[in-house]
C-alpha atoms as a PDB file:
ATOM      1  CA  MET A   1      -0.233   0.827   0.081  1.00  0.00           C
ATOM      2  CA  SER A   2       2.962   2.251   1.251  1.00  0.00           C
ATOM      3  CA  ARG A   3       4.591   1.643  -1.893  1.00  0.00           C
ATOM      4  CA  LEU A   4       1.712   2.954  -4.376  1.00  0.00           C
ATOM      5  CA  VAL A   5       0.635   5.924  -2.267  1.00  0.00           C
ATOM      6  CA  LEU A   6       4.487   7.158  -2.704  1.00  0.00           C
ATOM      7  CA  SER A   7       3.904   6.225  -6.287  1.00  0.00           C
ATOM      8  CA  ILE A   8       1.429   8.200  -6.398  1.00  0.00           C
ATOM      9  CA  LEU A   9       2.291  11.735  -5.146  1.00  0.00           C
ATOM     10  CA  ARG A  10       5.929  11.056  -6.701  1.00  0.00           C
ATOM     11  CA  MET A  11       4.265  11.681  -9.845  1.00  0.00           C
ATOM     12  CA  ALA A  12       1.840  14.095  -8.839  1.00  0.00           C
ATOM     13  CA  THR A  13       2.206  17.978  -9.738  1.00  0.00           C
ATOM     14  CA  GLU A  14       1.230  19.240  -6.295  1.00  0.00           C
ATOM     15  CA  PRO A  15      -0.287  17.466  -3.293  1.00  0.00           C
ATOM     16  CA  MET A  16      -3.442  15.801  -2.384  1.00  0.00           C
ATOM     17  CA  THR A  17      -5.154  14.894  -0.820  1.00  0.00           C
ATOM     18  CA  SER A  18      -5.917  11.000   1.235  1.00  0.00           C
ATOM     19  CA  ARG A  19      -9.240  11.175  -0.199  1.00  0.00           C
ATOM     20  CA  ASP A  20      -7.358  12.233  -3.923  1.00  0.00           C
ATOM     21  CA  ILE A  21      -4.801   9.303  -3.887  1.00  0.00           C
ATOM     22  CA  ALA A  22      -6.803   7.364  -3.054  1.00  0.00           C
ATOM     23  CA  LEU A  23      -9.613   7.690  -5.842  1.00  0.00           C
ATOM     24  CA  GLU A  24      -5.994   7.531  -8.223  1.00  0.00           C
ATOM     25  CA  MET A  25      -5.274   4.239  -6.939  1.00  0.00           C
ATOM     26  CA  LEU A  26      -9.378   2.770  -7.840  1.00  0.00           C
ATOM     27  CA  ILE A  27      -8.188   4.122 -10.499  1.00  0.00           C
ATOM     28  CA  SER A  28      -5.406   2.586 -11.703  1.00  0.00           C
ATOM     29  CA  ARG A  29      -6.150  -0.470  -9.749  1.00  0.00           C
ATOM     30  CA  ALA A  30      -9.920  -0.532 -12.187  1.00  0.00           C
ATOM     31  CA  LEU A  31     -12.357  -0.614  -8.955  1.00  0.00           C
ATOM     32  CA  ASP A  32     -15.321   1.517  -9.334  1.00  0.00           C
ATOM     33  CA  LYS A  33     -14.913   4.728  -8.763  1.00  0.00           C
ATOM     34  CA  ARG A  34     -18.792   5.411  -7.929  1.00  0.00           C
ATOM     35  CA  ASP A  35     -18.277   2.962  -4.536  1.00  0.00           C
ATOM     36  CA  GLN A  36     -18.370   5.415  -2.417  1.00  0.00           C
ATOM     37  CA  LYS A  37     -18.347   3.027   1.015  1.00  0.00           C
ATOM     38  CA  LEU A  38     -14.922   1.514  -0.982  1.00  0.00           C
ATOM     39  CA  LEU A  39     -13.875   5.037  -1.131  1.00  0.00           C
ATOM     40  CA  ARG A  40     -14.142   5.399   2.150  1.00  0.00           C
ATOM     41  CA  LEU A  41     -12.098   2.249   2.670  1.00  0.00           C
ATOM     42  CA  MET A  42      -9.309   3.146   0.352  1.00  0.00           C
ATOM     43  CA  THR A  43      -9.066   6.387   2.104  1.00  0.00           C
ATOM     44  CA  LYS A  44      -8.210   4.954   5.601  1.00  0.00           C
ATOM     45  CA  ARG A  45      -6.196   2.419   4.684  1.00  0.00           C
ATOM     46  CA  VAL A  46      -4.037   5.613   3.075  1.00  0.00           C
ATOM     47  CA  GLY A  47      -4.455   7.411   5.612  1.00  0.00           C
ATOM     48  CA  VAL A  48      -2.726   5.370   7.664  1.00  0.00           C
ATOM     49  CA  ALA A  49      -0.024   4.883   5.959  1.00  0.00           C
ATOM     50  CA  LEU A  50       0.399   8.567   4.993  1.00  0.00           C
ATOM     51  CA  ARG A  51       0.891   8.871   8.970  1.00  0.00           C
ATOM     52  CA  THR A  52       3.434   5.527   8.879  1.00  0.00           C
ATOM     53  CA  GLN A  53       5.415   7.497   6.000  1.00  0.00           C
ATOM     54  CA  ARG A  54       5.348  10.732   7.828  1.00  0.00           C
ATOM     55  CA  GLU A  55       6.574   8.823  10.927  1.00  0.00           C
ATOM     56  CA  ASN A  56       9.705   8.088   9.506  1.00  0.00           C
ATOM     57  CA  GLY A  57      10.480  11.252   7.219  1.00  0.00           C
ATOM     58  CA  VAL A  58       9.074  10.222   4.220  1.00  0.00           C
ATOM     59  CA  VAL A  59       6.190  12.552   2.942  1.00  0.00           C
ATOM     60  CA  VAL A  60       4.667  15.962   5.135  1.00  0.00           C
ATOM     61  CA  ALA A  61       1.248  17.248   5.720  1.00  0.00           C
ATOM     62  CA  ASN A  62      -0.021  20.370   5.396  1.00  0.00           C
ATOM     63  CA  GLN A  63      -2.685  22.868   5.899  1.00  0.00           C
ATOM     64  CA  GLY A  64      -5.313  21.740   2.626  1.00  0.00           C
ATOM     65  CA  PRO A  65      -8.310  23.276   1.245  1.00  0.00           C
ATOM     66  CA  GLY A  66     -11.475  23.223   4.503  1.00  0.00           C
ATOM     67  CA  GLN A  67     -10.093  20.751   7.708  1.00  0.00           C
ATOM     68  CA  PHE A  68      -8.364  18.173   4.871  1.00  0.00           C
ATOM     69  CA  LYS A  69      -4.567  17.606   5.226  1.00  0.00           C
ATOM     70  CA  VAL A  70      -3.134  17.571   1.680  1.00  0.00           C
ATOM     71  CA  TRP A  71       0.421  15.232   1.566  1.00  0.00           C
ATOM     72  CA  GLU A  72       3.358  15.428  -0.568  1.00  0.00           C
ATOM     73  CA  ILE A  73       6.926  14.056  -0.708  1.00  0.00           C
ATOM     74  CA  ARG A  74       9.270  15.309   1.935  1.00  0.00           C
ATOM     75  CA  ARG A  75      11.994  17.354  -0.757  1.00  0.00           C
ATOM     76  CA  GLU A  76      15.529  17.238   1.227  1.00  0.00           C
ATOM     77  CA  ARG A  77      17.254  20.738   1.016  1.00  0.00           C
END
């Protein structure tokens, strides 16, 4: 799961929400993107993977629109 999440973030042109990442996963796996129950489940799984990678220092979260966080790969300076 983490590998696919990181792959999606690496290809992203801007930071993404966990829901956006989950939607990209559904599309890439040719699953039904209109299935709201599946989308919620994938969003939760993506969130767990992102929090783990944040603890490992691989990704960072910033405040996004509303109460959402947007995620991106940590850039070395």
